[in-house]
């Protein structure tokens, strides 16, 4: 698959967003069957970059940074605001 697409698994999970070479790549939204959700960036099928994790049972969002499919940092609202206003470069938080 290339470009934009939607994929739904039989167990209730779904992904809607960008694809490249049949992998999640670019911006997309992944939803688990229990209501959790990740909205953010993907590289070669793995969460990579800024994202928002929705904790459905608590109805709250957590802002974070993922690298090669693993969350490496949660950001406070203040830090997220600085990233969004280009006062802070989130790439400084990458481990690799």
C-alpha atoms as a PDB file:
ATOM      1  CA  UNK A   1       0.000   0.000   0.000  1.00  0.00           C
ATOM      2  CA  UNK A   2       1.195   3.516  -0.815  1.00  0.00           C
ATOM      3  CA  UNK A   3      -0.314   6.829   0.249  1.00  0.00           C
ATOM      4  CA  UNK A   4      -3.300   7.156   2.560  1.00  0.00           C
ATOM      5  CA  UNK A   5      -5.222   4.146   3.758  1.00  0.00           C
ATOM      6  CA  UNK A   6      -7.237   2.448   6.471  1.00  0.00           C
ATOM      7  CA  UNK A   7      -6.660  -1.037   7.823  1.00  0.00           C
ATOM      8  CA  UNK A   8      -8.891  -2.811  10.337  1.00  0.00           C
ATOM      9  CA  UNK A   9      -7.953  -5.996  12.128  1.00  0.00           C
ATOM     10  CA  UNK A  10     -10.573  -8.603  13.074  1.00  0.00           C
ATOM     11  CA  UNK A  11      -9.913  -8.038  16.787  1.00  0.00           C
ATOM     12  CA  UNK A  12     -11.033  -4.380  16.590  1.00  0.00           C
ATOM     13  CA  UNK A  13      -7.709  -2.580  16.158  1.00  0.00           C
ATOM     14  CA  UNK A  14      -7.402  -0.092  13.298  1.00  0.00           C
ATOM     15  CA  UNK A  15      -4.927   2.229  11.619  1.00  0.00           C
ATOM     16  CA  UNK A  16      -5.767   5.162   9.399  1.00  0.00           C
ATOM     17  CA  UNK A  17      -3.028   7.238   7.885  1.00  0.00           C
ATOM     18  CA  UNK A  18      -0.052   7.246   5.594  1.00  0.00           C
ATOM     19  CA  UNK A  19       1.644   4.167   4.179  1.00  0.00           C
ATOM     20  CA  UNK A  20       4.843   3.547   2.272  1.00  0.00           C
ATOM     21  CA  UNK A  21       5.884   0.153   0.937  1.00  0.00           C
ATOM     22  CA  UNK A  22       3.004  -1.515   2.859  1.00  0.00           C
ATOM     23  CA  UNK A  23       4.174  -0.063   6.195  1.00  0.00           C
ATOM     24  CA  UNK A  24       2.782   2.686   8.395  1.00  0.00           C
ATOM     25  CA  UNK A  25       4.943   5.657   7.413  1.00  0.00           C
ATOM     26  CA  UNK A  26       4.172   9.331   7.986  1.00  0.00           C
ATOM     27  CA  UNK A  27       1.282  10.523  10.135  1.00  0.00           C
ATOM     28  CA  UNK A  28      -1.375   8.108  11.300  1.00  0.00           C
ATOM     29  CA  UNK A  29      -3.801   7.116  14.026  1.00  0.00           C
ATOM     30  CA  UNK A  30      -3.685   3.648  15.579  1.00  0.00           C
ATOM     31  CA  UNK A  31      -6.605   2.544  17.746  1.00  0.00           C
ATOM     32  CA  UNK A  32      -6.693  -0.443  20.073  1.00  0.00           C
ATOM     33  CA  UNK A  33      -9.916  -2.364  20.660  1.00  0.00           C
ATOM     34  CA  UNK A  34     -10.050  -1.120  24.290  1.00  0.00           C
ATOM     35  CA  UNK A  35     -10.233   2.534  23.192  1.00  0.00           C
ATOM     36  CA  UNK A  36      -6.590   3.556  23.595  1.00  0.00           C
ATOM     37  CA  UNK A  37      -5.212   5.569  20.700  1.00  0.00           C
ATOM     38  CA  UNK A  38      -1.871   6.786  19.365  1.00  0.00           C
ATOM     39  CA  UNK A  39      -1.941   9.761  16.982  1.00  0.00           C
ATOM     40  CA  UNK A  40       1.439  10.621  15.611  1.00  0.00           C
ATOM     41  CA  UNK A  41       4.313   9.811  13.342  1.00  0.00           C
ATOM     42  CA  UNK A  42       5.521   6.470  12.022  1.00  0.00           C
ATOM     43  CA  UNK A  43       8.683   5.333  10.244  1.00  0.00           C
ATOM     44  CA  UNK A  44       8.897   1.916   8.573  1.00  0.00           C
ATOM     45  CA  UNK A  45       5.904   0.586  10.508  1.00  0.00           C
ATOM     46  CA  UNK A  46       6.988   1.792  13.954  1.00  0.00           C
ATOM     47  CA  UNK A  47       5.998   4.786  16.050  1.00  0.00           C
ATOM     48  CA  UNK A  48       8.750   7.344  15.599  1.00  0.00           C
ATOM     49  CA  UNK A  49       8.618  11.015  16.489  1.00  0.00           C
ATOM     50  CA  UNK A  50       6.019  13.097  18.263  1.00  0.00           C
ATOM     51  CA  UNK A  51       2.744  11.521  19.217  1.00  0.00           C
ATOM     52  CA  UNK A  52      -0.274  11.823  21.434  1.00  0.00           C
ATOM     53  CA  UNK A  53      -1.397   8.819  23.436  1.00  0.00           C
ATOM     54  CA  UNK A  54      -5.029   8.811  24.513  1.00  0.00           C
ATOM     55  CA  UNK A  55      -5.748   6.882  27.697  1.00  0.00           C
ATOM     56  CA  UNK A  56      -9.427   6.130  27.162  1.00  0.00           C
ATOM     57  CA  UNK A  57     -10.185   4.855  30.665  1.00  0.00           C
ATOM     58  CA  UNK A  58      -8.949   8.145  32.138  1.00  0.00           C
ATOM     59  CA  UNK A  59     -10.068  10.315  29.197  1.00  0.00           C
ATOM     60  CA  UNK A  60      -6.712  12.108  29.100  1.00  0.00           C
ATOM     61  CA  UNK A  61      -3.975  12.693  26.556  1.00  0.00           C
ATOM     62  CA  UNK A  62      -0.271  12.215  27.107  1.00  0.00           C
ATOM     63  CA  UNK A  63       2.257  13.875  24.819  1.00  0.00           C
ATOM     64  CA  UNK A  64       5.388  11.931  24.038  1.00  0.00           C
ATOM     65  CA  UNK A  65       8.287  11.016  21.828  1.00  0.00           C
ATOM     66  CA  UNK A  66       8.726   7.572  20.297  1.00  0.00           C
ATOM     67  CA  UNK A  67      11.835   6.120  18.714  1.00  0.00           C
ATOM     68  CA  UNK A  68      11.698   2.946  16.624  1.00  0.00           C
ATOM     69  CA  UNK A  69       8.439   1.859  18.228  1.00  0.00           C
ATOM     70  CA  UNK A  70       9.354   2.610  21.844  1.00  0.00           C
ATOM     71  CA  UNK A  71       8.245   5.567  23.901  1.00  0.00           C
ATOM     72  CA  UNK A  72      11.313   7.335  25.202  1.00  0.00           C
ATOM     73  CA  UNK A  73       9.882  10.472  26.794  1.00  0.00           C
ATOM     74  CA  UNK A  74       6.612  11.894  28.146  1.00  0.00           C
ATOM     75  CA  UNK A  75       6.320  15.659  27.789  1.00  0.00           C
ATOM     76  CA  UNK A  76       4.553  18.067  30.118  1.00  0.00           C
ATOM     77  CA  UNK A  77       2.019  20.457  28.604  1.00  0.00           C
ATOM     78  CA  UNK A  78       4.591  23.242  28.990  1.00  0.00           C
ATOM     79  CA  UNK A  79       7.232  21.285  27.064  1.00  0.00           C
ATOM     80  CA  UNK A  80       4.687  20.350  24.396  1.00  0.00           C
ATOM     81  CA  UNK A  81       3.753  24.031  24.007  1.00  0.00           C
ATOM     82  CA  UNK A  82       7.438  24.948  23.561  1.00  0.00           C
ATOM     83  CA  UNK A  83       7.861  22.235  20.911  1.00  0.00           C
ATOM     84  CA  UNK A  84       4.742  23.397  19.064  1.00  0.00           C
ATOM     85  CA  UNK A  85       5.929  27.028  19.099  1.00  0.00           C
ATOM     86  CA  UNK A  86       9.440  26.020  17.908  1.00  0.00           C
ATOM     87  CA  UNK A  87      11.076  27.209  21.142  1.00  0.00           C
ATOM     88  CA  UNK A  88      12.352  23.676  21.780  1.00  0.00           C
ATOM     89  CA  UNK A  89      13.722  21.099  19.341  1.00  0.00           C
ATOM     90  CA  UNK A  90      12.240  17.721  20.262  1.00  0.00           C
ATOM     91  CA  UNK A  91      14.953  15.870  18.302  1.00  0.00           C
ATOM     92  CA  UNK A  92      17.335  16.620  21.172  1.00  0.00           C
ATOM     93  CA  UNK A  93      15.467  13.970  23.173  1.00  0.00           C
ATOM     94  CA  UNK A  94      16.200  11.095  20.749  1.00  0.00           C
ATOM     95  CA  UNK A  95      18.503   8.455  22.238  1.00  0.00           C
ATOM     96  CA  UNK A  96      20.219   7.237  19.041  1.00  0.00           C
END
